[in-house]
């Protein structure tokens, strides 16, 4: 779906660690063009450079997240930008993170330091998923002491439901604020816009 949306703006490519995920995408797209199997947990040679990259909830899955961030850096051309998202707050760790095979959650300072060490210049960083933070955080905390949603399947039951539509509009409101350069002081997730400095070398 993301590749389809981005294709309106230029030539796109997608990557995943899992061959099963790539096969699924091939079925949806109709061909294998622009899909690559890449493991960001090992050093990757910069075989091509891109003007713009999107890494949505990837770094938290990789043990050496600094190496993964450096790999992302080497795929972006000097002067190019990248959008990166990760889950926020280690104290929100729950069965959901274990089921999703996360290694960690981040705070704002932690993510900014990581991306800076990788070579990026951080242009913008903010928490988001803020309006839903109170109820979601309560459920995550209660799940640590009560048998609540241990399979983390609750979110999958909202597909095409009125509640799902309401959640969409909540995210839309946050998106409008973020696109205007506004930030949130807390949230379930973090989003960063970074650039590779123009004077950097491949």
C-alpha atoms as a PDB file:
ATOM      1  CA  UNK A   1       0.000   0.000   0.000  1.00  0.00           C
ATOM      2  CA  UNK A   2       2.809   2.399   0.876  1.00  0.00           C
ATOM      3  CA  UNK A   3       4.636   1.680  -2.395  1.00  0.00           C
ATOM      4  CA  UNK A   4       1.451   2.365  -4.316  1.00  0.00           C
ATOM      5  CA  UNK A   5       0.968   5.729  -2.624  1.00  0.00           C
ATOM      6  CA  UNK A   6       4.579   6.803  -3.078  1.00  0.00           C
ATOM      7  CA  UNK A   7       4.679   5.767  -6.741  1.00  0.00           C
ATOM      8  CA  UNK A   8       2.657   8.903  -7.512  1.00  0.00           C
ATOM      9  CA  UNK A   9       5.739  10.991  -6.661  1.00  0.00           C
ATOM     10  CA  UNK A  10       8.529   9.057  -8.364  1.00  0.00           C
ATOM     11  CA  UNK A  11      10.272   5.726  -8.753  1.00  0.00           C
ATOM     12  CA  UNK A  12       9.973   3.610  -5.594  1.00  0.00           C
ATOM     13  CA  UNK A  13      11.643   0.556  -4.080  1.00  0.00           C
ATOM     14  CA  UNK A  14      10.698  -1.546  -1.066  1.00  0.00           C
ATOM     15  CA  UNK A  15      12.777  -3.771   1.198  1.00  0.00           C
ATOM     16  CA  UNK A  16      12.129  -6.317   3.913  1.00  0.00           C
ATOM     17  CA  UNK A  17      14.123  -8.878   5.868  1.00  0.00           C
ATOM     18  CA  UNK A  18      11.489 -11.602   5.426  1.00  0.00           C
ATOM     19  CA  UNK A  19      11.102 -13.465   2.118  1.00  0.00           C
ATOM     20  CA  UNK A  20       7.526 -14.306   3.191  1.00  0.00           C
ATOM     21  CA  UNK A  21       6.713 -10.604   3.494  1.00  0.00           C
ATOM     22  CA  UNK A  22       8.225  -9.959   0.063  1.00  0.00           C
ATOM     23  CA  UNK A  23       6.198 -12.779  -1.493  1.00  0.00           C
ATOM     24  CA  UNK A  24       3.045 -11.276  -0.002  1.00  0.00           C
ATOM     25  CA  UNK A  25       3.933  -7.873  -1.471  1.00  0.00           C
ATOM     26  CA  UNK A  26       4.636  -9.424  -4.860  1.00  0.00           C
ATOM     27  CA  UNK A  27       1.136 -10.926  -4.848  1.00  0.00           C
ATOM     28  CA  UNK A  28      -0.380  -7.538  -4.010  1.00  0.00           C
ATOM     29  CA  UNK A  29       1.718  -5.543  -6.469  1.00  0.00           C
ATOM     30  CA  UNK A  30       1.583  -8.084  -9.264  1.00  0.00           C
ATOM     31  CA  UNK A  31       5.333  -8.250  -9.952  1.00  0.00           C
ATOM     32  CA  UNK A  32       8.689  -8.319  -8.163  1.00  0.00           C
ATOM     33  CA  UNK A  33       9.947  -5.024  -9.541  1.00  0.00           C
ATOM     34  CA  UNK A  34      11.427  -2.761  -6.893  1.00  0.00           C
ATOM     35  CA  UNK A  35      11.324  -5.303  -4.036  1.00  0.00           C
ATOM     36  CA  UNK A  36      14.537  -6.355  -2.299  1.00  0.00           C
ATOM     37  CA  UNK A  37      15.465  -8.611   0.596  1.00  0.00           C
ATOM     38  CA  UNK A  38      17.803  -6.673   2.889  1.00  0.00           C
ATOM     39  CA  UNK A  39      19.091  -7.459   6.368  1.00  0.00           C
ATOM     40  CA  UNK A  40      19.857  -4.212   8.207  1.00  0.00           C
ATOM     41  CA  UNK A  41      21.429  -6.115  11.116  1.00  0.00           C
ATOM     42  CA  UNK A  42      24.622  -6.671   9.094  1.00  0.00           C
ATOM     43  CA  UNK A  43      26.752  -4.088   7.248  1.00  0.00           C
ATOM     44  CA  UNK A  44      25.173  -3.262   3.890  1.00  0.00           C
ATOM     45  CA  UNK A  45      27.111  -1.789   1.000  1.00  0.00           C
ATOM     46  CA  UNK A  46      25.391   1.312  -0.445  1.00  0.00           C
ATOM     47  CA  UNK A  47      24.372  -0.287  -3.750  1.00  0.00           C
ATOM     48  CA  UNK A  48      22.129   2.655  -4.623  1.00  0.00           C
ATOM     49  CA  UNK A  49      21.198   6.033  -3.171  1.00  0.00           C
ATOM     50  CA  UNK A  50      17.734   7.541  -2.718  1.00  0.00           C
ATOM     51  CA  UNK A  51      16.359  11.057  -2.417  1.00  0.00           C
ATOM     52  CA  UNK A  52      13.826  10.018   0.201  1.00  0.00           C
ATOM     53  CA  UNK A  53      13.420   7.077   2.540  1.00  0.00           C
ATOM     54  CA  UNK A  54      10.798   5.808   4.982  1.00  0.00           C
ATOM     55  CA  UNK A  55      11.630   3.432   7.843  1.00  0.00           C
ATOM     56  CA  UNK A  56       8.435   2.811   9.800  1.00  0.00           C
ATOM     57  CA  UNK A  57       8.877   0.877  13.057  1.00  0.00           C
ATOM     58  CA  UNK A  58      12.034  -0.961  11.975  1.00  0.00           C
ATOM     59  CA  UNK A  59      14.883  -0.001  14.318  1.00  0.00           C
ATOM     60  CA  UNK A  60      13.214  -1.475  17.427  1.00  0.00           C
ATOM     61  CA  UNK A  61      13.341  -4.943  15.835  1.00  0.00           C
ATOM     62  CA  UNK A  62      17.128  -4.986  15.396  1.00  0.00           C
ATOM     63  CA  UNK A  63      19.589  -5.745  18.192  1.00  0.00           C
ATOM     64  CA  UNK A  64      22.281  -3.390  16.858  1.00  0.00           C
ATOM     65  CA  UNK A  65      20.072  -0.413  16.061  1.00  0.00           C
ATOM     66  CA  UNK A  66      23.069   1.864  15.474  1.00  0.00           C
ATOM     67  CA  UNK A  67      24.296  -0.405  12.678  1.00  0.00           C
ATOM     68  CA  UNK A  68      20.780  -0.476  11.240  1.00  0.00           C
ATOM     69  CA  UNK A  69      20.578   3.340  11.336  1.00  0.00           C
ATOM     70  CA  UNK A  70      23.985   3.590   9.635  1.00  0.00           C
ATOM     71  CA  UNK A  71      22.744   1.242   6.905  1.00  0.00           C
ATOM     72  CA  UNK A  72      19.734   3.503   6.350  1.00  0.00           C
ATOM     73  CA  UNK A  73      22.123   6.465   6.191  1.00  0.00           C
ATOM     74  CA  UNK A  74      24.100   4.815   3.394  1.00  0.00           C
ATOM     75  CA  UNK A  75      20.987   4.322   1.272  1.00  0.00           C
ATOM     76  CA  UNK A  76      20.155   8.046   1.370  1.00  0.00           C
ATOM     77  CA  UNK A  77      22.047  10.336  -0.985  1.00  0.00           C
ATOM     78  CA  UNK A  78      23.762  13.457   0.394  1.00  0.00           C
ATOM     79  CA  UNK A  79      21.051  16.053   0.789  1.00  0.00           C
ATOM     80  CA  UNK A  80      18.320  13.407   0.893  1.00  0.00           C
ATOM     81  CA  UNK A  81      15.829  12.949   3.723  1.00  0.00           C
ATOM     82  CA  UNK A  82      14.302  10.062   5.633  1.00  0.00           C
ATOM     83  CA  UNK A  83      11.264   9.624   7.897  1.00  0.00           C
ATOM     84  CA  UNK A  84      11.783   7.238  10.827  1.00  0.00           C
ATOM     85  CA  UNK A  85       9.273   6.038  13.427  1.00  0.00           C
ATOM     86  CA  UNK A  86       9.731   3.903  16.554  1.00  0.00           C
ATOM     87  CA  UNK A  87       7.633   2.982  19.625  1.00  0.00           C
ATOM     88  CA  UNK A  88       8.095   5.205  22.684  1.00  0.00           C
ATOM     89  CA  UNK A  89       8.895   4.638  26.378  1.00  0.00           C
ATOM     90  CA  UNK A  90      10.526   1.488  27.698  1.00  0.00           C
ATOM     91  CA  UNK A  91       8.213   1.597  30.744  1.00  0.00           C
ATOM     92  CA  UNK A  92       5.342   0.798  28.339  1.00  0.00           C
ATOM     93  CA  UNK A  93       6.970  -2.531  27.483  1.00  0.00           C
ATOM     94  CA  UNK A  94       4.303  -5.250  27.386  1.00  0.00           C
ATOM     95  CA  UNK A  95       3.332  -8.562  25.797  1.00  0.00           C
ATOM     96  CA  UNK A  96       2.556  -6.594  22.653  1.00  0.00           C
ATOM     97  CA  UNK A  97       6.270  -5.757  22.257  1.00  0.00           C
ATOM     98  CA  UNK A  98       7.276  -9.366  22.844  1.00  0.00           C
ATOM     99  CA  UNK A  99       4.724 -10.630  20.330  1.00  0.00           C
ATOM    100  CA  UNK A 100       6.031  -8.095  17.787  1.00  0.00           C
ATOM    101  CA  UNK A 101       9.617  -9.201  18.528  1.00  0.00           C
ATOM    102  CA  UNK A 102      10.756  -5.756  19.646  1.00  0.00           C
ATOM    103  CA  UNK A 103      14.168  -5.311  21.256  1.00  0.00           C
ATOM    104  CA  UNK A 104      13.445  -1.961  22.931  1.00  0.00           C
ATOM    105  CA  UNK A 105      11.317   1.183  23.019  1.00  0.00           C
ATOM    106  CA  UNK A 106      12.770   4.711  22.789  1.00  0.00           C
ATOM    107  CA  UNK A 107      12.508   8.149  24.320  1.00  0.00           C
ATOM    108  CA  UNK A 108      13.102  11.368  22.383  1.00  0.00           C
ATOM    109  CA  UNK A 109      16.675  11.941  23.560  1.00  0.00           C
ATOM    110  CA  UNK A 110      17.596   8.301  22.908  1.00  0.00           C
ATOM    111  CA  UNK A 111      16.323   8.354  19.318  1.00  0.00           C
ATOM    112  CA  UNK A 112      17.943  11.708  18.541  1.00  0.00           C
ATOM    113  CA  UNK A 113      21.310  10.499  19.859  1.00  0.00           C
ATOM    114  CA  UNK A 114      21.075   7.280  17.838  1.00  0.00           C
ATOM    115  CA  UNK A 115      20.299   9.050  14.569  1.00  0.00           C
ATOM    116  CA  UNK A 116      23.008  11.652  15.139  1.00  0.00           C
ATOM    117  CA  UNK A 117      25.598   8.938  15.806  1.00  0.00           C
ATOM    118  CA  UNK A 118      24.563   7.266  12.556  1.00  0.00           C
ATOM    119  CA  UNK A 119      25.505  10.478  10.709  1.00  0.00           C
ATOM    120  CA  UNK A 120      22.086  12.021  10.167  1.00  0.00           C
ATOM    121  CA  UNK A 121      21.167  15.605  10.912  1.00  0.00           C
ATOM    122  CA  UNK A 122      17.861  15.618  12.793  1.00  0.00           C
ATOM    123  CA  UNK A 123      15.512  18.196  11.255  1.00  0.00           C
ATOM    124  CA  UNK A 124      12.411  17.351  13.277  1.00  0.00           C
ATOM    125  CA  UNK A 125      11.507  14.959  16.063  1.00  0.00           C
ATOM    126  CA  UNK A 126       8.346  14.559  18.097  1.00  0.00           C
ATOM    127  CA  UNK A 127       6.219  12.110  19.982  1.00  0.00           C
ATOM    128  CA  UNK A 128       2.902  11.248  18.342  1.00  0.00           C
ATOM    129  CA  UNK A 129      -0.067   8.928  18.901  1.00  0.00           C
ATOM    130  CA  UNK A 130      -0.690  11.325  21.790  1.00  0.00           C
ATOM    131  CA  UNK A 131      -4.474  11.657  21.948  1.00  0.00           C
ATOM    132  CA  UNK A 132      -4.782   7.907  22.531  1.00  0.00           C
ATOM    133  CA  UNK A 133      -1.914   7.810  24.991  1.00  0.00           C
ATOM    134  CA  UNK A 134      -3.914   7.723  28.284  1.00  0.00           C
ATOM    135  CA  UNK A 135      -6.147   4.706  27.517  1.00  0.00           C
ATOM    136  CA  UNK A 136      -3.459   2.818  25.605  1.00  0.00           C
ATOM    137  CA  UNK A 137      -0.854   3.359  28.325  1.00  0.00           C
ATOM    138  CA  UNK A 138      -3.355   2.203  30.968  1.00  0.00           C
ATOM    139  CA  UNK A 139      -4.058  -1.006  29.053  1.00  0.00           C
ATOM    140  CA  UNK A 140      -0.338  -1.665  28.562  1.00  0.00           C
ATOM    141  CA  UNK A 141       0.359  -1.163  32.268  1.00  0.00           C
ATOM    142  CA  UNK A 142      -2.600  -3.287  33.383  1.00  0.00           C
ATOM    143  CA  UNK A 143      -1.528  -6.074  31.026  1.00  0.00           C
ATOM    144  CA  UNK A 144       1.620  -6.471  33.106  1.00  0.00           C
ATOM    145  CA  UNK A 145      -0.375  -7.572  36.161  1.00  0.00           C
ATOM    146  CA  UNK A 146      -3.653  -8.829  34.672  1.00  0.00           C
ATOM    147  CA  UNK A 147      -4.358 -11.341  31.859  1.00  0.00           C
ATOM    148  CA  UNK A 148      -5.367  -8.577  29.432  1.00  0.00           C
ATOM    149  CA  UNK A 149      -4.718  -9.053  25.711  1.00  0.00           C
ATOM    150  CA  UNK A 150      -1.622 -11.203  26.175  1.00  0.00           C
ATOM    151  CA  UNK A 151      -1.854 -12.173  22.507  1.00  0.00           C
ATOM    152  CA  UNK A 152      -1.981  -8.442  21.590  1.00  0.00           C
ATOM    153  CA  UNK A 153      -4.845  -9.229  19.211  1.00  0.00           C
ATOM    154  CA  UNK A 154      -7.209  -6.483  20.352  1.00  0.00           C
ATOM    155  CA  UNK A 155      -6.194  -4.034  17.634  1.00  0.00           C
ATOM    156  CA  UNK A 156      -6.897  -6.602  14.916  1.00  0.00           C
ATOM    157  CA  UNK A 157     -10.582  -6.761  15.870  1.00  0.00           C
ATOM    158  CA  UNK A 158     -11.257  -3.143  14.851  1.00  0.00           C
ATOM    159  CA  UNK A 159     -10.859  -3.590  11.104  1.00  0.00           C
ATOM    160  CA  UNK A 160     -13.594  -1.771   9.142  1.00  0.00           C
ATOM    161  CA  UNK A 161     -15.411  -0.931  12.362  1.00  0.00           C
ATOM    162  CA  UNK A 162     -16.833   2.457  13.468  1.00  0.00           C
ATOM    163  CA  UNK A 163     -14.151   2.525  16.165  1.00  0.00           C
ATOM    164  CA  UNK A 164     -11.474   2.111  13.522  1.00  0.00           C
ATOM    165  CA  UNK A 165     -12.915   5.095  11.632  1.00  0.00           C
ATOM    166  CA  UNK A 166     -12.782   7.158  14.811  1.00  0.00           C
ATOM    167  CA  UNK A 167      -9.144   6.201  15.351  1.00  0.00           C
ATOM    168  CA  UNK A 168      -8.383   7.222  11.759  1.00  0.00           C
ATOM    169  CA  UNK A 169      -9.762  10.717  12.357  1.00  0.00           C
ATOM    170  CA  UNK A 170      -7.769  11.034  15.582  1.00  0.00           C
ATOM    171  CA  UNK A 171      -4.567  10.231  13.717  1.00  0.00           C
ATOM    172  CA  UNK A 172      -5.572  12.654  10.962  1.00  0.00           C
ATOM    173  CA  UNK A 173      -5.807  15.488  13.481  1.00  0.00           C
ATOM    174  CA  UNK A 174      -2.335  14.666  14.809  1.00  0.00           C
ATOM    175  CA  UNK A 175      -0.962  14.476  11.265  1.00  0.00           C
ATOM    176  CA  UNK A 176      -2.195  17.974  10.440  1.00  0.00           C
ATOM    177  CA  UNK A 177      -0.459  19.355  13.529  1.00  0.00           C
ATOM    178  CA  UNK A 178       2.805  17.539  12.824  1.00  0.00           C
ATOM    179  CA  UNK A 179       2.816  18.636   9.165  1.00  0.00           C
ATOM    180  CA  UNK A 180       2.614  22.253  10.333  1.00  0.00           C
ATOM    181  CA  UNK A 181       5.780  21.712  12.374  1.00  0.00           C
ATOM    182  CA  UNK A 182       3.974  21.240  15.681  1.00  0.00           C
ATOM    183  CA  UNK A 183       5.229  18.744  18.238  1.00  0.00           C
ATOM    184  CA  UNK A 184       3.738  16.671  21.051  1.00  0.00           C
ATOM    185  CA  UNK A 185       5.390  16.403  24.509  1.00  0.00           C
ATOM    186  CA  UNK A 186       4.539  12.695  24.879  1.00  0.00           C
ATOM    187  CA  UNK A 187       2.962   9.830  22.944  1.00  0.00           C
ATOM    188  CA  UNK A 188       3.003   6.119  22.214  1.00  0.00           C
ATOM    189  CA  UNK A 189       5.401   6.598  19.298  1.00  0.00           C
ATOM    190  CA  UNK A 190       8.162   8.845  17.983  1.00  0.00           C
ATOM    191  CA  UNK A 191       8.652  10.291  14.526  1.00  0.00           C
ATOM    192  CA  UNK A 192      11.810  11.908  13.171  1.00  0.00           C
ATOM    193  CA  UNK A 193      12.675  13.633   9.915  1.00  0.00           C
ATOM    194  CA  UNK A 194      16.382  13.434   9.205  1.00  0.00           C
ATOM    195  CA  UNK A 195      18.708  14.403   6.398  1.00  0.00           C
ATOM    196  CA  UNK A 196      22.064  13.212   5.194  1.00  0.00           C
ATOM    197  CA  UNK A 197      24.283  16.330   5.070  1.00  0.00           C
ATOM    198  CA  UNK A 198      25.097  17.469   1.534  1.00  0.00           C
ATOM    199  CA  UNK A 199      28.822  17.495   2.216  1.00  0.00           C
ATOM    200  CA  UNK A 200      28.913  13.837   3.349  1.00  0.00           C
ATOM    201  CA  UNK A 201      30.638  11.192   1.253  1.00  0.00           C
ATOM    202  CA  UNK A 202      29.280   7.830   0.136  1.00  0.00           C
END
